[in-house]
N, C-alpha and C. Protein backbone atom coordinates (compact mmCIF):
# COMPACT_ATOMS: atom_id res chain seq x y z
N MET A 1 17.97 -53.97 -19.01
CA MET A 1 16.90 -54.08 -19.98
C MET A 1 17.32 -53.49 -21.32
N ARG A 2 18.04 -52.38 -21.27
CA ARG A 2 18.49 -51.74 -22.51
C ARG A 2 19.47 -52.64 -23.25
N LYS A 3 20.35 -53.32 -22.51
CA LYS A 3 21.31 -54.23 -23.14
C LYS A 3 20.59 -55.38 -23.83
N LEU A 4 19.56 -55.90 -23.21
CA LEU A 4 18.78 -56.98 -23.81
C LEU A 4 18.11 -56.52 -25.10
N ALA A 5 17.55 -55.32 -25.07
CA ALA A 5 16.91 -54.78 -26.27
C ALA A 5 17.92 -54.59 -27.39
N LEU A 6 19.11 -54.10 -27.06
CA LEU A 6 20.16 -53.93 -28.07
C LEU A 6 20.62 -55.28 -28.62
N LEU A 7 20.73 -56.26 -27.77
CA LEU A 7 21.15 -57.59 -28.19
C LEU A 7 20.11 -58.21 -29.13
N VAL A 8 18.85 -58.09 -28.79
CA VAL A 8 17.77 -58.61 -29.64
C VAL A 8 17.77 -57.88 -30.98
N ALA A 9 17.93 -56.57 -30.97
CA ALA A 9 17.95 -55.79 -32.22
C ALA A 9 19.14 -56.19 -33.08
N PHE A 10 20.28 -56.42 -32.47
CA PHE A 10 21.47 -56.83 -33.21
C PHE A 10 21.24 -58.16 -33.91
N PHE A 11 20.74 -59.14 -33.18
CA PHE A 11 20.51 -60.45 -33.78
C PHE A 11 19.43 -60.40 -34.86
N ALA A 12 18.41 -59.59 -34.68
CA ALA A 12 17.39 -59.44 -35.70
C ALA A 12 17.99 -58.84 -36.97
N LEU A 13 18.86 -57.88 -36.82
CA LEU A 13 19.53 -57.26 -37.97
C LEU A 13 20.43 -58.25 -38.69
N VAL A 14 21.21 -59.01 -37.94
CA VAL A 14 22.11 -59.99 -38.54
C VAL A 14 21.32 -61.08 -39.26
N LEU A 15 20.30 -61.61 -38.62
CA LEU A 15 19.50 -62.66 -39.25
C LEU A 15 18.76 -62.13 -40.47
N GLY A 16 18.23 -60.94 -40.39
CA GLY A 16 17.53 -60.35 -41.54
C GLY A 16 18.46 -60.12 -42.71
N ALA A 17 19.65 -59.63 -42.45
CA ALA A 17 20.62 -59.39 -43.52
C ALA A 17 21.07 -60.71 -44.14
N THR A 18 21.25 -61.73 -43.33
CA THR A 18 21.64 -63.04 -43.85
C THR A 18 20.56 -63.62 -44.74
N ALA A 19 19.31 -63.52 -44.32
CA ALA A 19 18.20 -64.04 -45.14
C ALA A 19 18.09 -63.26 -46.44
N ALA A 20 18.23 -61.95 -46.39
CA ALA A 20 18.14 -61.14 -47.61
C ALA A 20 19.27 -61.49 -48.57
N PHE A 21 20.48 -61.67 -48.06
CA PHE A 21 21.60 -62.03 -48.92
C PHE A 21 21.38 -63.40 -49.56
N ALA A 22 20.93 -64.35 -48.79
CA ALA A 22 20.69 -65.69 -49.32
C ALA A 22 19.60 -65.68 -50.38
N HIS A 23 18.58 -64.89 -50.17
CA HIS A 23 17.46 -64.84 -51.10
C HIS A 23 17.82 -64.15 -52.41
N HIS A 24 18.61 -63.08 -52.34
CA HIS A 24 18.86 -62.28 -53.53
C HIS A 24 20.25 -62.48 -54.12
N GLY A 25 20.96 -63.49 -53.70
CA GLY A 25 22.30 -63.71 -54.22
C GLY A 25 22.30 -64.40 -55.57
N TRP A 26 22.33 -63.62 -56.66
CA TRP A 26 22.32 -64.19 -58.01
C TRP A 26 23.72 -64.40 -58.55
N SER A 27 24.75 -64.13 -57.78
CA SER A 27 26.12 -64.24 -58.29
C SER A 27 26.53 -65.68 -58.59
N ALA A 28 25.78 -66.65 -58.13
CA ALA A 28 26.10 -68.06 -58.41
C ALA A 28 25.76 -68.46 -59.84
N TYR A 29 25.06 -67.58 -60.57
CA TYR A 29 24.63 -67.88 -61.94
C TYR A 29 25.52 -67.14 -62.94
N ASP A 30 25.78 -67.79 -64.07
CA ASP A 30 26.66 -67.25 -65.10
C ASP A 30 25.86 -66.42 -66.11
N ALA A 31 25.80 -65.11 -65.88
CA ALA A 31 25.03 -64.21 -66.74
C ALA A 31 25.67 -64.04 -68.11
N ASP A 32 26.88 -64.56 -68.31
CA ASP A 32 27.53 -64.51 -69.62
C ASP A 32 27.19 -65.71 -70.48
N GLN A 33 26.51 -66.69 -69.91
CA GLN A 33 26.13 -67.89 -70.65
C GLN A 33 24.61 -68.05 -70.60
N THR A 34 23.95 -67.72 -71.68
CA THR A 34 22.50 -67.83 -71.74
C THR A 34 22.10 -69.17 -72.33
N LEU A 35 21.23 -69.89 -71.64
CA LEU A 35 20.69 -71.15 -72.13
C LEU A 35 19.26 -70.93 -72.61
N THR A 36 18.94 -71.53 -73.74
CA THR A 36 17.56 -71.58 -74.22
C THR A 36 17.18 -73.04 -74.32
N ILE A 37 16.18 -73.42 -73.56
CA ILE A 37 15.81 -74.84 -73.44
C ILE A 37 14.32 -74.99 -73.70
N GLU A 38 13.99 -75.93 -74.56
CA GLU A 38 12.58 -76.29 -74.77
C GLU A 38 12.39 -77.68 -74.18
N ALA A 39 11.45 -77.79 -73.24
CA ALA A 39 11.23 -79.07 -72.56
C ALA A 39 9.87 -79.05 -71.87
N PRO A 40 9.33 -80.23 -71.61
CA PRO A 40 8.10 -80.27 -70.82
C PRO A 40 8.41 -80.07 -69.33
N VAL A 41 7.49 -79.46 -68.63
CA VAL A 41 7.62 -79.30 -67.18
C VAL A 41 7.48 -80.68 -66.54
N LYS A 42 8.41 -80.98 -65.64
CA LYS A 42 8.36 -82.26 -64.93
C LYS A 42 7.62 -82.11 -63.60
N THR A 43 8.01 -81.11 -62.81
CA THR A 43 7.33 -80.82 -61.54
C THR A 43 7.19 -79.31 -61.40
N LEU A 44 6.23 -78.88 -60.58
CA LEU A 44 5.98 -77.47 -60.33
C LEU A 44 5.82 -77.24 -58.84
N SER A 45 6.47 -76.18 -58.34
CA SER A 45 6.27 -75.69 -56.98
C SER A 45 5.96 -74.20 -57.11
N TYR A 46 4.70 -73.85 -57.04
CA TYR A 46 4.24 -72.48 -57.26
C TYR A 46 3.99 -71.84 -55.90
N ARG A 47 5.08 -71.38 -55.26
CA ARG A 47 4.99 -70.77 -53.94
C ARG A 47 6.13 -69.78 -53.75
N ASN A 48 6.00 -68.94 -52.76
CA ASN A 48 7.02 -67.94 -52.47
C ASN A 48 8.16 -68.55 -51.68
N PRO A 49 9.38 -68.02 -51.72
CA PRO A 49 9.69 -66.73 -52.32
C PRO A 49 9.82 -66.78 -53.86
N HIS A 50 10.06 -67.93 -54.44
CA HIS A 50 10.12 -68.07 -55.89
C HIS A 50 9.44 -69.37 -56.29
N ALA A 51 8.77 -69.33 -57.42
CA ALA A 51 8.24 -70.57 -57.97
C ALA A 51 9.41 -71.36 -58.55
N HIS A 52 9.27 -72.67 -58.61
CA HIS A 52 10.31 -73.55 -59.15
C HIS A 52 9.65 -74.61 -60.02
N ILE A 53 10.37 -75.02 -61.03
CA ILE A 53 9.97 -76.18 -61.81
C ILE A 53 11.20 -77.06 -61.99
N THR A 54 10.96 -78.30 -62.38
CA THR A 54 12.07 -79.16 -62.81
C THR A 54 11.78 -79.58 -64.24
N ILE A 55 12.86 -79.77 -64.98
CA ILE A 55 12.80 -80.23 -66.37
C ILE A 55 13.91 -81.23 -66.57
N ASP A 56 13.81 -82.04 -67.60
CA ASP A 56 14.91 -82.91 -68.01
C ASP A 56 15.63 -82.24 -69.17
N TYR A 57 16.96 -82.12 -69.05
CA TYR A 57 17.78 -81.47 -70.07
C TYR A 57 19.17 -82.10 -70.06
N GLN A 58 19.64 -82.49 -71.23
CA GLN A 58 20.97 -83.10 -71.38
C GLN A 58 21.16 -84.30 -70.46
N GLY A 59 20.12 -85.11 -70.33
CA GLY A 59 20.21 -86.32 -69.54
C GLY A 59 20.20 -86.13 -68.03
N ARG A 60 19.89 -84.93 -67.57
CA ARG A 60 19.85 -84.65 -66.12
C ARG A 60 18.55 -83.94 -65.78
N GLU A 61 18.15 -84.05 -64.54
CA GLU A 61 17.01 -83.28 -64.05
C GLU A 61 17.52 -81.91 -63.59
N TRP A 62 16.96 -80.85 -64.18
CA TRP A 62 17.38 -79.49 -63.87
C TRP A 62 16.33 -78.80 -63.01
N HIS A 63 16.80 -78.06 -62.04
CA HIS A 63 15.97 -77.22 -61.18
C HIS A 63 15.94 -75.84 -61.81
N VAL A 64 14.75 -75.26 -61.99
CA VAL A 64 14.61 -73.94 -62.61
C VAL A 64 14.00 -72.99 -61.59
N VAL A 65 14.72 -71.91 -61.28
CA VAL A 65 14.25 -70.88 -60.35
C VAL A 65 13.51 -69.83 -61.17
N LEU A 66 12.25 -69.63 -60.84
CA LEU A 66 11.42 -68.65 -61.54
C LEU A 66 11.31 -67.39 -60.68
N ALA A 67 10.35 -66.55 -60.95
CA ALA A 67 10.14 -65.31 -60.20
C ALA A 67 9.18 -65.56 -59.03
N PRO A 68 9.02 -64.57 -58.15
CA PRO A 68 7.99 -64.69 -57.12
C PRO A 68 6.62 -64.85 -57.79
N ILE A 69 5.73 -65.57 -57.14
CA ILE A 69 4.44 -65.87 -57.77
C ILE A 69 3.60 -64.62 -58.00
N SER A 70 3.74 -63.60 -57.17
CA SER A 70 2.97 -62.37 -57.39
C SER A 70 3.40 -61.71 -58.70
N ARG A 71 4.69 -61.71 -58.99
CA ARG A 71 5.17 -61.13 -60.25
C ARG A 71 4.73 -61.97 -61.44
N MET A 72 4.80 -63.29 -61.30
CA MET A 72 4.41 -64.15 -62.40
C MET A 72 2.92 -64.00 -62.70
N ALA A 73 2.10 -63.93 -61.68
CA ALA A 73 0.66 -63.76 -61.88
C ALA A 73 0.37 -62.39 -62.51
N ALA A 74 1.06 -61.35 -62.04
CA ALA A 74 0.85 -60.00 -62.59
C ALA A 74 1.25 -59.91 -64.05
N ARG A 75 2.22 -60.72 -64.45
CA ARG A 75 2.68 -60.70 -65.84
C ARG A 75 2.00 -61.76 -66.71
N GLY A 76 1.01 -62.43 -66.14
CA GLY A 76 0.21 -63.35 -66.93
C GLY A 76 0.74 -64.76 -67.02
N LEU A 77 1.42 -65.22 -65.99
CA LEU A 77 1.92 -66.59 -65.97
C LEU A 77 1.41 -67.32 -64.72
N PRO A 78 0.16 -67.75 -64.73
CA PRO A 78 -0.39 -68.47 -63.58
C PRO A 78 0.14 -69.90 -63.53
N ASP A 79 -0.09 -70.55 -62.42
CA ASP A 79 0.41 -71.92 -62.25
C ASP A 79 -0.16 -72.87 -63.29
N ALA A 80 -1.35 -72.62 -63.79
CA ALA A 80 -1.96 -73.51 -64.80
C ALA A 80 -1.13 -73.58 -66.08
N ASP A 81 -0.34 -72.53 -66.35
CA ASP A 81 0.51 -72.52 -67.54
C ASP A 81 1.78 -73.35 -67.38
N LEU A 82 2.05 -73.81 -66.16
CA LEU A 82 3.29 -74.53 -65.89
C LEU A 82 3.05 -75.93 -65.33
N MET A 83 1.89 -76.46 -65.55
CA MET A 83 1.57 -77.78 -65.02
C MET A 83 2.46 -78.86 -65.63
N PRO A 84 2.77 -79.89 -64.87
CA PRO A 84 3.59 -80.98 -65.40
C PRO A 84 3.04 -81.50 -66.72
N GLY A 85 3.96 -81.70 -67.66
CA GLY A 85 3.62 -82.16 -69.00
C GLY A 85 3.53 -81.04 -70.01
N LYS A 86 3.34 -79.79 -69.55
CA LYS A 86 3.24 -78.64 -70.45
C LYS A 86 4.61 -78.35 -71.06
N ARG A 87 4.68 -78.22 -72.38
CA ARG A 87 5.93 -77.93 -73.08
C ARG A 87 6.16 -76.42 -73.08
N ILE A 88 7.32 -75.99 -72.60
CA ILE A 88 7.65 -74.58 -72.51
C ILE A 88 9.07 -74.37 -73.04
N THR A 89 9.39 -73.12 -73.30
CA THR A 89 10.77 -72.73 -73.62
C THR A 89 11.24 -71.77 -72.55
N LEU A 90 12.44 -72.01 -72.04
CA LEU A 90 13.03 -71.18 -71.00
C LEU A 90 14.28 -70.51 -71.54
N VAL A 91 14.51 -69.29 -71.12
CA VAL A 91 15.77 -68.60 -71.38
C VAL A 91 16.30 -68.19 -70.01
N GLY A 92 17.52 -68.57 -69.71
CA GLY A 92 18.06 -68.24 -68.40
C GLY A 92 19.53 -68.51 -68.29
N TYR A 93 20.03 -68.40 -67.08
CA TYR A 93 21.45 -68.55 -66.79
C TYR A 93 21.71 -69.78 -65.93
N PRO A 94 22.70 -70.59 -66.31
CA PRO A 94 23.04 -71.76 -65.49
C PRO A 94 23.91 -71.36 -64.30
N ARG A 95 23.96 -72.24 -63.32
CA ARG A 95 24.86 -72.02 -62.19
C ARG A 95 26.31 -72.16 -62.65
N LYS A 96 27.17 -71.38 -62.05
CA LYS A 96 28.60 -71.40 -62.39
C LYS A 96 29.28 -72.68 -61.95
N ASP A 97 28.78 -73.30 -60.89
CA ASP A 97 29.45 -74.47 -60.33
C ASP A 97 29.09 -75.79 -61.00
N GLY A 98 28.28 -75.73 -62.05
CA GLY A 98 27.91 -76.96 -62.77
C GLY A 98 26.69 -77.67 -62.24
N THR A 99 26.13 -77.18 -61.13
CA THR A 99 24.89 -77.74 -60.61
C THR A 99 23.80 -77.59 -61.68
N ALA A 100 22.96 -78.58 -61.81
CA ALA A 100 21.89 -78.57 -62.81
C ALA A 100 20.76 -77.65 -62.35
N GLU A 101 21.02 -76.34 -62.44
CA GLU A 101 20.05 -75.34 -62.00
C GLU A 101 20.15 -74.12 -62.91
N ILE A 102 19.00 -73.52 -63.18
CA ILE A 102 18.92 -72.35 -64.06
C ILE A 102 18.12 -71.26 -63.37
N ARG A 103 18.57 -70.04 -63.50
CA ARG A 103 17.79 -68.86 -63.10
C ARG A 103 17.08 -68.39 -64.37
N ALA A 104 15.79 -68.58 -64.44
CA ALA A 104 15.03 -68.24 -65.65
C ALA A 104 14.79 -66.74 -65.74
N GLU A 105 15.02 -66.19 -66.92
CA GLU A 105 14.77 -64.79 -67.20
C GLU A 105 13.45 -64.60 -67.94
N ARG A 106 13.10 -65.58 -68.78
CA ARG A 106 11.82 -65.51 -69.51
C ARG A 106 11.31 -66.91 -69.78
N VAL A 107 10.00 -66.98 -69.93
CA VAL A 107 9.33 -68.24 -70.23
C VAL A 107 8.44 -68.01 -71.44
N MET A 108 8.53 -68.92 -72.41
CA MET A 108 7.64 -68.88 -73.57
C MET A 108 6.69 -70.07 -73.44
N VAL A 109 5.40 -69.76 -73.45
CA VAL A 109 4.39 -70.79 -73.31
C VAL A 109 3.14 -70.37 -74.09
N ASP A 110 2.56 -71.32 -74.79
CA ASP A 110 1.33 -71.07 -75.55
C ASP A 110 1.44 -69.86 -76.49
N GLY A 111 2.60 -69.70 -77.13
CA GLY A 111 2.79 -68.64 -78.11
C GLY A 111 3.05 -67.25 -77.55
N ARG A 112 3.26 -67.13 -76.26
CA ARG A 112 3.56 -65.82 -75.68
C ARG A 112 4.82 -65.88 -74.83
N THR A 113 5.47 -64.75 -74.67
CA THR A 113 6.69 -64.64 -73.88
C THR A 113 6.42 -63.84 -72.62
N VAL A 114 6.84 -64.38 -71.48
CA VAL A 114 6.67 -63.69 -70.20
C VAL A 114 8.05 -63.40 -69.63
N GLU A 115 8.34 -62.11 -69.44
CA GLU A 115 9.60 -61.68 -68.84
C GLU A 115 9.48 -61.79 -67.32
N LEU A 116 10.45 -62.44 -66.69
CA LEU A 116 10.37 -62.68 -65.25
C LEU A 116 11.14 -61.67 -64.42
N ARG A 117 12.11 -60.97 -64.99
CA ARG A 117 12.91 -60.03 -64.20
C ARG A 117 12.56 -58.61 -64.54
């Protein structure tokens, strides 16, 4: 019975560490290259662990990773501010591998700036 408990604890630890690493791994983004993009929101997914939007930029559809929704709401950025068609400005970091994806650091909407990190 003790061996089974140790085995279950080991797998829980490994799976938990893997999920945490996957969730918080920002090393795929180039923090030395800041992009500032003004574009209308194409789609919105306002859910945890991070909200996401898509925008069109440089002839491609870009995926934008935002902050957790609790942080965005606490800082005054509800989902209504990011509805499709709303024009926003994003400042963030692109992926190093050339994938059309940005990790957003701030969002400017309706004359105000919201810091996401």
